[in-house]
Amino acid sequence: METRELGKSGLKVSALGFGCMGLSFGLGAGVDKEQGIQIIRAAFEAGVTFFDTAEAYGPFTNEELVGEALEPFRDNVVIATKFGFKGGKANDGTDSRPENIRQHTEAALRRLRTDRIDLLYQHRVDPNIPIEDVAGTVKELIAAGKVRYFGLSEAGVPSIRKAHAVQPVAALQSEYSLWWREPEKEILPTLEELGIGFVPFSPLGKGFLTGTIDATTQFDKSDFRNVVPRFSIEARQANQRLIDVLGQLADGKSLTRAQIALAWLLAQKPWIVPIPGTTKLHRLKENLGAAEVSLSPADLTEISAALAEIRVVGERYPAHLQAMVGR
């Protein structure tokens, strides 16, 4: 797989990374440890060198899984993790006090079985802590050799600029896909100006863009999508048109919907690195096949024209989580 540089940071990773969250958190019961290790290692063997986790995924269990799975290949991969919630629990609110950042980093190093974190993100901007203090704390951790690069997740433009002025931001991680294109308005131009890479999470719309979810799909009781407005039965019915159009485009190229969706993201900017996740080996192979797909300018124009006629229904977060985005 080809590599990409995240902005102008010098941090080079595989063109597609692997989002590890769903192996143990968020999208249902996850998989057992051995299955999780198997799929992470299969991703590495297929050329993935960029793996994403967070203390909040579990909390803590996902970092432990990633650490064990990647320990044999530690020097050949880039591991990203995140801090910023009270006790690692998103529902308990943000906590980016410098002492919490330092405490999380020490604990994450142990869980990840490593002596450095390659990319350390603030998971959500904390309105109670100046972003300059957050960036300054990570800058100290970088100077100490415990962290290599600094990142932000779901931050707004003012926060990105303020943080970047204190400690260069290597990457912003936020949602971006064929059914959530809001970053194109302000975020992408700002990142390009500042030389910051972009790491889209949920590049397959939390599974919806694969075409395997419809209005009849029943989610596990622990699945986050149960509380997401965009996944209500009515929204899924309304959004089926997007899947139908995506399917027509994919069928015309003998590709899958997922491959078209990921190839489209890769074609947007050379410093964009999506991190699709999956619990299934055959889906991993399918997703990584997108790295070999080259969409022409005519293809991209056709996709844009088709999507311009579609209005996606439903908010991407419930209200209490939406309030944490774009600060």
C-alpha atoms as a PDB file:
ATOM      1  CA  MET A   1       0.000   0.000   0.000  1.00  0.00           C
ATOM      2  CA  GLU A   2       1.207   3.512  -0.768  1.00  0.00           C
ATOM      3  CA  THR A   3       2.051   5.840   2.090  1.00  0.00           C
ATOM      4  CA  ARG A   4       0.859   9.377   2.738  1.00  0.00           C
ATOM      5  CA  GLU A   5       2.231  12.209   4.817  1.00  0.00           C
ATOM      6  CA  LEU A   6      -0.181  13.780   7.267  1.00  0.00           C
ATOM      7  CA  GLY A   7      -0.020  17.373   6.102  1.00  0.00           C
ATOM      8  CA  LYS A   8       3.497  18.709   6.355  1.00  0.00           C
ATOM      9  CA  SER A   9       4.193  17.070   9.695  1.00  0.00           C
ATOM     10  CA  GLY A  10       6.683  14.486   8.465  1.00  0.00           C
ATOM     11  CA  LEU A  11       4.510  11.679   9.863  1.00  0.00           C
ATOM     12  CA  LYS A  12       4.048   9.084   7.132  1.00  0.00           C
ATOM     13  CA  VAL A  13       1.422   6.346   7.315  1.00  0.00           C
ATOM     14  CA  SER A  14      -0.369   3.899   5.040  1.00  0.00           C
ATOM     15  CA  ALA A  15      -2.962   5.535   2.764  1.00  0.00           C
ATOM     16  CA  LEU A  16      -5.687   3.718   4.685  1.00  0.00           C
ATOM     17  CA  GLY A  17      -5.434   3.258   8.417  1.00  0.00           C
ATOM     18  CA  PHE A  18      -7.447   0.977  10.671  1.00  0.00           C
ATOM     19  CA  GLY A  19      -9.953   2.283  13.215  1.00  0.00           C
ATOM     20  CA  CYS A  20      -9.885  -0.169  16.110  1.00  0.00           C
ATOM     21  CA  MET A  21     -12.822   1.183  18.146  1.00  0.00           C
ATOM     22  CA  GLY A  22     -15.480  -1.230  16.898  1.00  0.00           C
ATOM     23  CA  LEU A  23     -13.470  -4.268  17.915  1.00  0.00           C
ATOM     24  CA  SER A  24     -14.403  -3.623  21.533  1.00  0.00           C
ATOM     25  CA  PHE A  25     -16.671  -0.596  21.832  1.00  0.00           C
ATOM     26  CA  GLY A  26     -19.428   1.510  20.341  1.00  0.00           C
ATOM     27  CA  LEU A  27     -20.901  -0.623  17.583  1.00  0.00           C
ATOM     28  CA  GLY A  28     -22.207  -3.548  19.585  1.00  0.00           C
ATOM     29  CA  ALA A  29     -20.572  -6.230  21.678  1.00  0.00           C
ATOM     30  CA  GLY A  30     -17.355  -6.249  19.661  1.00  0.00           C
ATOM     31  CA  VAL A  31     -15.229  -9.376  19.319  1.00  0.00           C
ATOM     32  CA  ASP A  32     -13.222 -11.479  21.727  1.00  0.00           C
ATOM     33  CA  LYS A  33      -9.559 -10.676  22.257  1.00  0.00           C
ATOM     34  CA  GLU A  34      -8.180 -13.342  19.961  1.00  0.00           C
ATOM     35  CA  GLN A  35     -10.422 -12.241  17.100  1.00  0.00           C
ATOM     36  CA  GLY A  36      -9.413  -8.654  17.669  1.00  0.00           C
ATOM     37  CA  ILE A  37      -5.730  -9.516  17.606  1.00  0.00           C
ATOM     38  CA  GLN A  38      -6.256 -11.559  14.448  1.00  0.00           C
ATOM     39  CA  ILE A  39      -7.889  -8.750  12.500  1.00  0.00           C
ATOM     40  CA  ILE A  40      -5.404  -6.079  13.641  1.00  0.00           C
ATOM     41  CA  ARG A  41      -2.513  -8.304  12.607  1.00  0.00           C
ATOM     42  CA  ALA A  42      -4.222  -9.147   9.317  1.00  0.00           C
ATOM     43  CA  ALA A  43      -4.470  -5.421   8.618  1.00  0.00           C
ATOM     44  CA  PHE A  44      -0.760  -5.015   9.299  1.00  0.00           C
ATOM     45  CA  GLU A  45       0.100  -7.947   7.042  1.00  0.00           C
ATOM     46  CA  ALA A  46      -1.995  -6.336   4.296  1.00  0.00           C
ATOM     47  CA  GLY A  47       0.054  -3.145   4.477  1.00  0.00           C
ATOM     48  CA  VAL A  48      -1.709  -1.009   7.106  1.00  0.00           C
ATOM     49  CA  THR A  49       0.751   0.855   9.320  1.00  0.00           C
ATOM     50  CA  PHE A  50      -1.621   3.313  11.016  1.00  0.00           C
ATOM     51  CA  PHE A  51      -3.818   2.144  13.903  1.00  0.00           C
ATOM     52  CA  ASP A  52      -6.272   4.289  15.853  1.00  0.00           C
ATOM     53  CA  THR A  53      -7.547   3.785  19.391  1.00  0.00           C
ATOM     54  CA  ALA A  54      -8.515   5.846  22.464  1.00  0.00           C
ATOM     55  CA  GLU A  55      -8.778   5.541  26.223  1.00  0.00           C
ATOM     56  CA  ALA A  56     -12.545   6.041  25.899  1.00  0.00           C
ATOM     57  CA  TYR A  57     -12.978   2.913  23.795  1.00  0.00           C
ATOM     58  CA  GLY A  58     -13.928   0.558  26.573  1.00  0.00           C
ATOM     59  CA  PRO A  59     -12.769   2.544  28.434  1.00  0.00           C
ATOM     60  CA  PHE A  60      -9.183   1.318  28.249  1.00  0.00           C
ATOM     61  CA  THR A  61      -9.808  -2.168  26.825  1.00  0.00           C
ATOM     62  CA  ASN A  62      -9.237  -1.102  23.228  1.00  0.00           C
ATOM     63  CA  GLU A  63      -5.830   0.374  24.012  1.00  0.00           C
ATOM     64  CA  GLU A  64      -4.906  -2.892  25.733  1.00  0.00           C
ATOM     65  CA  LEU A  65      -6.037  -4.911  22.713  1.00  0.00           C
ATOM     66  CA  VAL A  66      -4.102  -2.722  20.285  1.00  0.00           C
ATOM     67  CA  GLY A  67      -0.994  -2.856  22.448  1.00  0.00           C
ATOM     68  CA  GLU A  68      -0.980  -6.649  22.576  1.00  0.00           C
ATOM     69  CA  ALA A  69      -1.778  -7.069  18.894  1.00  0.00           C
ATOM     70  CA  LEU A  70       0.914  -4.699  17.661  1.00  0.00           C
ATOM     71  CA  GLU A  71       3.657  -5.454  20.164  1.00  0.00           C
ATOM     72  CA  PRO A  72       5.547  -7.766  17.745  1.00  0.00           C
ATOM     73  CA  PHE A  73       5.557  -5.043  15.052  1.00  0.00           C
ATOM     74  CA  ARG A  74       5.806  -1.961  17.230  1.00  0.00           C
ATOM     75  CA  ASP A  75       8.647  -0.316  15.328  1.00  0.00           C
ATOM     76  CA  ASN A  76       6.845  -0.754  12.001  1.00  0.00           C
ATOM     77  CA  VAL A  77       3.543   0.920  12.874  1.00  0.00           C
ATOM     78  CA  VAL A  78       2.121   4.280  13.909  1.00  0.00           C
ATOM     79  CA  ILE A  79      -0.209   4.130  16.910  1.00  0.00           C
ATOM     80  CA  ALA A  80      -2.636   6.968  17.616  1.00  0.00           C
ATOM     81  CA  THR A  81      -4.635   7.307  20.810  1.00  0.00           C
ATOM     82  CA  LYS A  82      -6.705  10.007  22.506  1.00  0.00           C
ATOM     83  CA  PHE A  83      -7.241  11.653  25.887  1.00  0.00           C
ATOM     84  CA  GLY A  84      -9.792  14.095  27.185  1.00  0.00           C
ATOM     85  CA  PHE A  85     -12.759  12.545  29.019  1.00  0.00           C
ATOM     86  CA  LYS A  86     -13.338  12.141  32.746  1.00  0.00           C
ATOM     87  CA  GLY A  87     -12.228   8.658  33.682  1.00  0.00           C
ATOM     88  CA  GLY A  88     -12.111   7.796  30.001  1.00  0.00           C
ATOM     89  CA  LYS A  89     -15.926   7.961  29.791  1.00  0.00           C
ATOM     90  CA  ALA A  90     -17.372  10.247  27.121  1.00  0.00           C
ATOM     91  CA  ASN A  91     -20.747  10.531  28.858  1.00  0.00           C
ATOM     92  CA  ASP A  92     -19.065  11.955  31.973  1.00  0.00           C
ATOM     93  CA  GLY A  93     -17.785  15.024  30.150  1.00  0.00           C
ATOM     94  CA  THR A  94     -14.431  16.421  29.098  1.00  0.00           C
ATOM     95  CA  ASP A  95     -11.263  16.651  31.183  1.00  0.00           C
ATOM     96  CA  SER A  96      -8.168  18.046  29.516  1.00  0.00           C
ATOM     97  CA  ARG A  97      -6.474  19.387  32.610  1.00  0.00           C
ATOM     98  CA  PRO A  98      -2.707  19.102  32.168  1.00  0.00           C
ATOM     99  CA  GLU A  99      -2.469  16.629  35.044  1.00  0.00           C
ATOM    100  CA  ASN A 100      -5.080  14.408  33.393  1.00  0.00           C
ATOM    101  CA  ILE A 101      -3.243  14.521  30.060  1.00  0.00           C
ATOM    102  CA  ARG A 102      -0.020  13.457  31.744  1.00  0.00           C
ATOM    103  CA  GLN A 103      -1.768  10.741  33.753  1.00  0.00           C
ATOM    104  CA  HIS A 104      -3.485   9.372  30.658  1.00  0.00           C
ATOM    105  CA  THR A 105      -0.239   9.337  28.710  1.00  0.00           C
ATOM    106  CA  GLU A 106       1.593   7.303  31.351  1.00  0.00           C
ATOM    107  CA  ALA A 107      -1.286   4.832  31.595  1.00  0.00           C
ATOM    108  CA  ALA A 108      -1.669   4.588  27.811  1.00  0.00           C
ATOM    109  CA  LEU A 109       2.025   3.827  27.403  1.00  0.00           C
ATOM    110  CA  ARG A 110       1.564   0.839  29.701  1.00  0.00           C
ATOM    111  CA  ARG A 111      -1.622  -0.340  28.022  1.00  0.00           C
ATOM    112  CA  LEU A 112      -0.106   0.032  24.541  1.00  0.00           C
ATOM    113  CA  ARG A 113       3.083  -1.771  25.625  1.00  0.00           C
ATOM    114  CA  THR A 114       5.287   0.943  24.220  1.00  0.00           C
ATOM    115  CA  ASP A 115       7.675   3.709  25.223  1.00  0.00           C
ATOM    116  CA  ARG A 116       6.110   6.391  22.990  1.00  0.00           C
ATOM    117  CA  ILE A 117       2.778   7.358  21.519  1.00  0.00           C
ATOM    118  CA  ASP A 118       3.167   8.263  17.871  1.00  0.00           C
ATOM    119  CA  LEU A 119       0.120  10.534  17.627  1.00  0.00           C
ATOM    120  CA  LEU A 120      -1.710  11.818  20.685  1.00  0.00           C
ATOM    121  CA  TYR A 121      -5.080  13.465  20.060  1.00  0.00           C
ATOM    122  CA  GLN A 122      -7.276  15.551  22.298  1.00  0.00           C
ATOM    123  CA  HIS A 123     -10.521  13.593  21.865  1.00  0.00           C
ATOM    124  CA  ARG A 124     -12.783  16.647  22.218  1.00  0.00           C
ATOM    125  CA  VAL A 125     -11.993  20.278  22.933  1.00  0.00           C
ATOM    126  CA  ASP A 126     -12.540  21.034  26.627  1.00  0.00           C
ATOM    127  CA  PRO A 127     -14.340  24.374  27.078  1.00  0.00           C
ATOM    128  CA  ASN A 128     -12.951  24.669  30.610  1.00  0.00           C
ATOM    129  CA  ILE A 129      -9.272  24.402  29.672  1.00  0.00           C
ATOM    130  CA  PRO A 130      -7.545  26.831  27.303  1.00  0.00           C
ATOM    131  CA  ILE A 131      -6.499  24.957  24.180  1.00  0.00           C
ATOM    132  CA  GLU A 132      -3.100  26.649  24.507  1.00  0.00           C
ATOM    133  CA  ASP A 133      -2.586  24.840  27.838  1.00  0.00           C
ATOM    134  CA  VAL A 134      -3.504  21.544  26.229  1.00  0.00           C
ATOM    135  CA  ALA A 135      -1.076  22.098  23.365  1.00  0.00           C
ATOM    136  CA  GLY A 136       1.609  23.206  25.794  1.00  0.00           C
ATOM    137  CA  THR A 137       1.229  20.066  27.879  1.00  0.00           C
ATOM    138  CA  VAL A 138       1.523  17.830  24.823  1.00  0.00           C
ATOM    139  CA  LYS A 139       4.539  19.886  23.722  1.00  0.00           C
ATOM    140  CA  GLU A 140       6.214  18.989  27.027  1.00  0.00           C
ATOM    141  CA  LEU A 141       5.386  15.313  26.501  1.00  0.00           C
ATOM    142  CA  ILE A 142       6.922  15.501  23.021  1.00  0.00           C
ATOM    143  CA  ALA A 143      10.069  17.093  24.466  1.00  0.00           C
ATOM    144  CA  ALA A 144      10.215  14.252  27.002  1.00  0.00           C
ATOM    145  CA  GLY A 145      10.082  11.659  24.214  1.00  0.00           C
ATOM    146  CA  LYS A 146       6.797  10.149  25.374  1.00  0.00           C
ATOM    147  CA  VAL A 147       4.783  11.496  22.424  1.00  0.00           C
ATOM    148  CA  ARG A 148       5.883  12.128  18.836  1.00  0.00           C
ATOM    149  CA  TYR A 149       3.041  14.158  17.290  1.00  0.00           C
ATOM    150  CA  PHE A 150       0.010  16.138  18.467  1.00  0.00           C
ATOM    151  CA  GLY A 151      -3.512  15.851  17.065  1.00  0.00           C
ATOM    152  CA  LEU A 152      -7.029  17.182  17.621  1.00  0.00           C
ATOM    153  CA  SER A 153     -10.377  15.480  17.130  1.00  0.00           C
ATOM    154  CA  GLU A 154     -13.610  17.232  16.085  1.00  0.00           C
ATOM    155  CA  ALA A 155     -12.089  20.648  16.838  1.00  0.00           C
ATOM    156  CA  GLY A 156     -13.310  23.859  15.217  1.00  0.00           C
ATOM    157  CA  VAL A 157     -11.172  26.274  13.228  1.00  0.00           C
ATOM    158  CA  PRO A 158     -10.403  28.739  16.079  1.00  0.00           C
ATOM    159  CA  SER A 159      -9.194  25.924  18.346  1.00  0.00           C
ATOM    160  CA  ILE A 160      -7.096  24.424  15.570  1.00  0.00           C
ATOM    161  CA  ARG A 161      -5.370  27.755  14.949  1.00  0.00           C
ATOM    162  CA  LYS A 162      -4.738  28.471  18.640  1.00  0.00           C
ATOM    163  CA  ALA A 163      -3.343  24.995  19.331  1.00  0.00           C
ATOM    164  CA  HIS A 164      -1.204  24.970  16.200  1.00  0.00           C
ATOM    165  CA  ALA A 165       0.444  28.240  17.253  1.00  0.00           C
ATOM    166  CA  VAL A 166       1.714  26.577  20.450  1.00  0.00           C
ATOM    167  CA  GLN A 167       2.513  23.068  19.196  1.00  0.00           C
ATOM    168  CA  PRO A 168       2.171  22.151  15.512  1.00  0.00           C
ATOM    169  CA  VAL A 169      -0.875  19.966  14.976  1.00  0.00           C
ATOM    170  CA  ALA A 170       0.005  16.971  12.799  1.00  0.00           C
ATOM    171  CA  ALA A 171      -3.548  15.797  12.164  1.00  0.00           C
ATOM    172  CA  LEU A 172      -7.182  16.543  12.766  1.00  0.00           C
ATOM    173  CA  GLN A 173      -9.485  13.566  13.163  1.00  0.00           C
ATOM    174  CA  SER A 174     -13.139  14.228  12.396  1.00  0.00           C
ATOM    175  CA  GLU A 175     -16.022  12.599  10.595  1.00  0.00           C
ATOM    176  CA  TYR A 176     -15.974  12.961   6.812  1.00  0.00           C
ATOM    177  CA  SER A 177     -17.635  10.818   4.171  1.00  0.00           C
ATOM    178  CA  LEU A 178     -20.033  10.865   1.262  1.00  0.00           C
ATOM    179  CA  TRP A 179     -22.877  11.467   3.719  1.00  0.00           C
ATOM    180  CA  TRP A 180     -21.115  14.050   5.924  1.00  0.00           C
ATOM    181  CA  ARG A 181     -19.297  16.693   3.875  1.00  0.00           C
ATOM    182  CA  GLU A 182     -19.431  19.593   6.310  1.00  0.00           C
ATOM    183  CA  PRO A 183     -15.588  19.681   6.692  1.00  0.00           C
ATOM    184  CA  GLU A 184     -15.327  20.901   3.111  1.00  0.00           C
ATOM    185  CA  LYS A 185     -16.647  24.338   4.097  1.00  0.00           C
ATOM    186  CA  GLU A 186     -14.046  25.543   6.609  1.00  0.00           C
ATOM    187  CA  ILE A 187     -12.029  22.651   7.987  1.00  0.00           C
ATOM    188  CA  LEU A 188     -10.297  21.387   4.847  1.00  0.00           C
ATOM    189  CA  PRO A 189      -9.189  24.858   3.653  1.00  0.00           C
ATOM    190  CA  THR A 190      -7.771  25.595   7.121  1.00  0.00           C
ATOM    191  CA  LEU A 191      -5.884  22.311   7.273  1.00  0.00           C
ATOM    192  CA  GLU A 192      -4.432  22.885   3.820  1.00  0.00           C
ATOM    193  CA  GLU A 193      -3.327  26.395   4.784  1.00  0.00           C
ATOM    194  CA  LEU A 194      -1.621  25.195   7.968  1.00  0.00           C
ATOM    195  CA  GLY A 195      -0.173  21.958   6.588  1.00  0.00           C
ATOM    196  CA  ILE A 196      -2.213  19.681   8.862  1.00  0.00           C
ATOM    197  CA  GLY A 197      -3.272  16.179   7.832  1.00  0.00           C
ATOM    198  CA  PHE A 198      -6.865  14.962   7.977  1.00  0.00           C
ATOM    199  CA  VAL A 199      -7.941  11.590   9.347  1.00  0.00           C
ATOM    200  CA  PRO A 200     -11.619  10.911   8.575  1.00  0.00           C
ATOM    201  CA  PHE A 201     -13.322   8.552  10.994  1.00  0.00           C
ATOM    202  CA  SER A 202     -16.570   6.808  10.060  1.00  0.00           C
ATOM    203  CA  PRO A 203     -15.589   7.059   6.384  1.00  0.00           C
ATOM    204  CA  LEU A 204     -18.288   4.487   5.631  1.00  0.00           C
ATOM    205  CA  GLY A 205     -20.996   6.309   7.563  1.00  0.00           C
ATOM    206  CA  LYS A 206     -20.823   3.937  10.550  1.00  0.00           C
ATOM    207  CA  GLY A 207     -21.552   1.111   8.136  1.00  0.00           C
ATOM    208  CA  PHE A 208     -24.477   2.681   6.306  1.00  0.00           C
ATOM    209  CA  LEU A 209     -22.515   3.408   3.117  1.00  0.00           C
ATOM    210  CA  THR A 210     -21.701  -0.286   2.707  1.00  0.00           C
ATOM    211  CA  GLY A 211     -25.310  -0.980   1.776  1.00  0.00           C
ATOM    212  CA  THR A 212     -25.648  -3.679   4.433  1.00  0.00           C
ATOM    213  CA  ILE A 213     -27.937  -1.606   6.698  1.00  0.00           C
ATOM    214  CA  ASP A 214     -31.553  -0.748   5.910  1.00  0.00           C
ATOM    215  CA  ALA A 215     -34.728   0.223   7.758  1.00  0.00           C
ATOM    216  CA  THR A 216     -35.213  -3.347   9.028  1.00  0.00           C
ATOM    217  CA  THR A 217     -31.748  -3.706  10.580  1.00  0.00           C
ATOM    218  CA  GLN A 218     -31.757  -4.369  14.332  1.00  0.00           C
ATOM    219  CA  PHE A 219     -28.725  -3.131  16.265  1.00  0.00           C
ATOM    220  CA  ASP A 220     -27.310  -4.700  19.421  1.00  0.00           C
ATOM    221  CA  LYS A 221     -28.598  -2.959  22.556  1.00  0.00           C
ATOM    222  CA  SER A 222     -25.100  -1.643  23.274  1.00  0.00           C
ATOM    223  CA  ASP A 223     -24.699  -0.214  19.767  1.00  0.00           C
ATOM    224  CA  PHE A 224     -24.166   3.564  19.703  1.00  0.00           C
ATOM    225  CA  ARG A 225     -26.205   3.831  16.510  1.00  0.00           C
ATOM    226  CA  ASN A 226     -29.387   3.239  18.501  1.00  0.00           C
ATOM    227  CA  VAL A 227     -29.209   6.845  19.752  1.00  0.00           C
ATOM    228  CA  VAL A 228     -27.964   8.467  16.542  1.00  0.00           C
ATOM    229  CA  PRO A 229     -30.763  10.395  14.786  1.00  0.00           C
ATOM    230  CA  ARG A 230     -29.350   9.504  11.379  1.00  0.00           C
ATOM    231  CA  PHE A 231     -29.987   5.840  12.194  1.00  0.00           C
ATOM    232  CA  SER A 232     -33.629   6.138  13.155  1.00  0.00           C
ATOM    233  CA  ILE A 233     -35.864   3.914  11.049  1.00  0.00           C
ATOM    234  CA  GLU A 234     -37.334   6.943   9.288  1.00  0.00           C
ATOM    235  CA  ALA A 235     -33.895   8.361   8.500  1.00  0.00           C
ATOM    236  CA  ARG A 236     -32.643   5.034   7.188  1.00  0.00           C
ATOM    237  CA  GLN A 237     -35.656   4.820   4.906  1.00  0.00           C
ATOM    238  CA  ALA A 238     -35.064   8.348   3.624  1.00  0.00           C
ATOM    239  CA  ASN A 239     -31.324   7.820   3.174  1.00  0.00           C
ATOM    240  CA  GLN A 240     -31.719   4.622   1.173  1.00  0.00           C
ATOM    241  CA  ARG A 241     -31.648   6.730  -1.979  1.00  0.00           C
ATOM    242  CA  LEU A 242     -28.002   7.564  -1.300  1.00  0.00           C
ATOM    243  CA  ILE A 243     -27.182   3.870  -1.080  1.00  0.00           C
ATOM    244  CA  ASP A 244     -29.038   3.165  -4.315  1.00  0.00           C
ATOM    245  CA  VAL A 245     -27.078   5.842  -6.185  1.00  0.00           C
ATOM    246  CA  LEU A 246     -23.801   4.674  -4.656  1.00  0.00           C
ATOM    247  CA  GLY A 247     -24.653   1.135  -5.722  1.00  0.00           C
ATOM    248  CA  GLN A 248     -25.220   2.206  -9.323  1.00  0.00           C
ATOM    249  CA  LEU A 249     -21.828   3.919  -9.396  1.00  0.00           C
ATOM    250  CA  ALA A 250     -20.124   0.924  -7.800  1.00  0.00           C
ATOM    251  CA  ASP A 251     -21.774  -1.630 -10.084  1.00  0.00           C
ATOM    252  CA  GLY A 252     -20.658   0.338 -13.116  1.00  0.00           C
ATOM    253  CA  LYS A 253     -17.049  -0.117 -12.041  1.00  0.00           C
ATOM    254  CA  SER A 254     -17.359  -3.656 -10.615  1.00  0.00           C
ATOM    255  CA  LEU A 255     -16.574  -2.275  -7.175  1.00  0.00           C
ATOM    256  CA  THR A 256     -18.441  -2.293  -3.879  1.00  0.00           C
ATOM    257  CA  ARG A 257     -20.145   0.676  -2.295  1.00  0.00           C
ATOM    258  CA  ALA A 258     -17.499   0.729   0.428  1.00  0.00           C
ATOM    259  CA  GLN A 259     -14.690   0.829  -2.099  1.00  0.00           C
ATOM    260  CA  ILE A 260     -16.269   3.739  -3.986  1.00  0.00           C
ATOM    261  CA  ALA A 261     -16.806   5.638  -0.728  1.00  0.00           C
ATOM    262  CA  LEU A 262     -13.211   5.153   0.433  1.00  0.00           C
ATOM    263  CA  ALA A 263     -11.688   5.820  -2.985  1.00  0.00           C
ATOM    264  CA  TRP A 264     -13.668   9.056  -3.138  1.00  0.00           C
ATOM    265  CA  LEU A 265     -12.153  10.192   0.158  1.00  0.00           C
ATOM    266  CA  LEU A 266      -8.632   9.290  -0.949  1.00  0.00           C
ATOM    267  CA  ALA A 267      -9.138  11.319  -4.115  1.00  0.00           C
ATOM    268  CA  GLN A 268     -10.061  14.515  -2.259  1.00  0.00           C
ATOM    269  CA  LYS A 269      -6.589  15.428  -0.949  1.00  0.00           C
ATOM    270  CA  PRO A 270      -3.221  13.610  -0.812  1.00  0.00           C
ATOM    271  CA  TRP A 271      -2.985  14.321   2.923  1.00  0.00           C
ATOM    272  CA  ILE A 272      -6.277  12.627   3.811  1.00  0.00           C
ATOM    273  CA  VAL A 273      -5.989   9.204   5.473  1.00  0.00           C
ATOM    274  CA  PRO A 274      -9.332   7.493   6.259  1.00  0.00           C
ATOM    275  CA  ILE A 275      -9.467   4.948   9.075  1.00  0.00           C
ATOM    276  CA  PRO A 276     -12.252   2.450   8.316  1.00  0.00           C
ATOM    277  CA  GLY A 277     -12.812  -0.222  10.919  1.00  0.00           C
ATOM    278  CA  THR A 278     -14.389  -3.653  10.777  1.00  0.00           C
ATOM    279  CA  THR A 279     -14.726  -6.849  12.795  1.00  0.00           C
ATOM    280  CA  LYS A 280     -14.698  -9.095   9.723  1.00  0.00           C
ATOM    281  CA  LEU A 281     -11.692 -10.251   7.728  1.00  0.00           C
ATOM    282  CA  HIS A 282     -13.536 -10.241   4.398  1.00  0.00           C
ATOM    283  CA  ARG A 283     -14.630  -6.645   4.994  1.00  0.00           C
ATOM    284  CA  LEU A 284     -11.041  -5.717   5.828  1.00  0.00           C
ATOM    285  CA  LYS A 285      -9.912  -7.095   2.486  1.00  0.00           C
ATOM    286  CA  GLU A 286     -12.732  -5.269   0.718  1.00  0.00           C
ATOM    287  CA  ASN A 287     -11.934  -1.952   2.391  1.00  0.00           C
ATOM    288  CA  LEU A 288      -8.220  -2.133   1.699  1.00  0.00           C
ATOM    289  CA  GLY A 289      -8.988  -2.841  -1.951  1.00  0.00           C
ATOM    290  CA  ALA A 290     -10.097   0.793  -2.182  1.00  0.00           C
ATOM    291  CA  ALA A 291      -6.462   1.865  -1.968  1.00  0.00           C
ATOM    292  CA  GLU A 292      -5.979   0.355  -5.439  1.00  0.00           C
ATOM    293  CA  VAL A 293      -8.928   2.212  -6.962  1.00  0.00           C
ATOM    294  CA  SER A 294      -8.201   5.328  -8.996  1.00  0.00           C
ATOM    295  CA  LEU A 295     -11.159   7.614  -9.662  1.00  0.00           C
ATOM    296  CA  SER A 296     -10.786   9.936 -12.645  1.00  0.00           C
ATOM    297  CA  PRO A 297     -11.858  13.602 -12.627  1.00  0.00           C
ATOM    298  CA  ALA A 298     -14.862  12.506 -14.677  1.00  0.00           C
ATOM    299  CA  ASP A 299     -15.735   9.894 -12.051  1.00  0.00           C
ATOM    300  CA  LEU A 300     -15.532  12.479  -9.286  1.00  0.00           C
ATOM    301  CA  THR A 301     -17.706  14.893 -11.246  1.00  0.00           C
ATOM    302  CA  GLU A 302     -20.283  12.159 -11.772  1.00  0.00           C
ATOM    303  CA  ILE A 303     -20.325  11.316  -8.081  1.00  0.00           C
ATOM    304  CA  SER A 304     -20.668  14.963  -7.065  1.00  0.00           C
ATOM    305  CA  ALA A 305     -23.511  15.509  -9.524  1.00  0.00           C
ATOM    306  CA  ALA A 306     -25.358  12.450  -8.274  1.00  0.00           C
ATOM    307  CA  LEU A 307     -24.953  13.358  -4.618  1.00  0.00           C
ATOM    308  CA  ALA A 308     -25.984  16.966  -5.185  1.00  0.00           C
ATOM    309  CA  GLU A 309     -29.508  15.722  -5.780  1.00  0.00           C
ATOM    310  CA  ILE A 310     -29.691  13.939  -2.430  1.00  0.00           C
ATOM    311  CA  ARG A 311     -30.364  15.402   0.999  1.00  0.00           C
ATOM    312  CA  VAL A 312     -29.161  13.199   3.841  1.00  0.00           C
ATOM    313  CA  VAL A 313     -31.698  13.032   6.677  1.00  0.00           C
ATOM    314  CA  GLY A 314     -30.891  13.031  10.390  1.00  0.00           C
ATOM    315  CA  GLU A 315     -28.237  14.548  12.649  1.00  0.00           C
ATOM    316  CA  ARG A 316     -25.021  12.582  13.026  1.00  0.00           C
ATOM    317  CA  TYR A 317     -24.968  12.839  16.838  1.00  0.00           C
ATOM    318  CA  PRO A 318     -27.578  13.069  19.606  1.00  0.00           C
ATOM    319  CA  ALA A 319     -27.785  16.584  21.037  1.00  0.00           C
ATOM    320  CA  HIS A 320     -25.556  16.061  24.100  1.00  0.00           C
ATOM    321  CA  LEU A 321     -22.688  14.786  21.947  1.00  0.00           C
ATOM    322  CA  GLN A 322     -23.247  17.281  19.155  1.00  0.00           C
ATOM    323  CA  ALA A 323     -22.547  20.009  21.730  1.00  0.00           C
ATOM    324  CA  MET A 324     -18.959  18.724  22.010  1.00  0.00           C
ATOM    325  CA  VAL A 325     -18.230  19.074  18.312  1.00  0.00           C
ATOM    326  CA  GLY A 326     -16.662  22.024  16.515  1.00  0.00           C
ATOM    327  CA  ARG A 327     -15.494  23.922  19.595  1.00  0.00           C
END
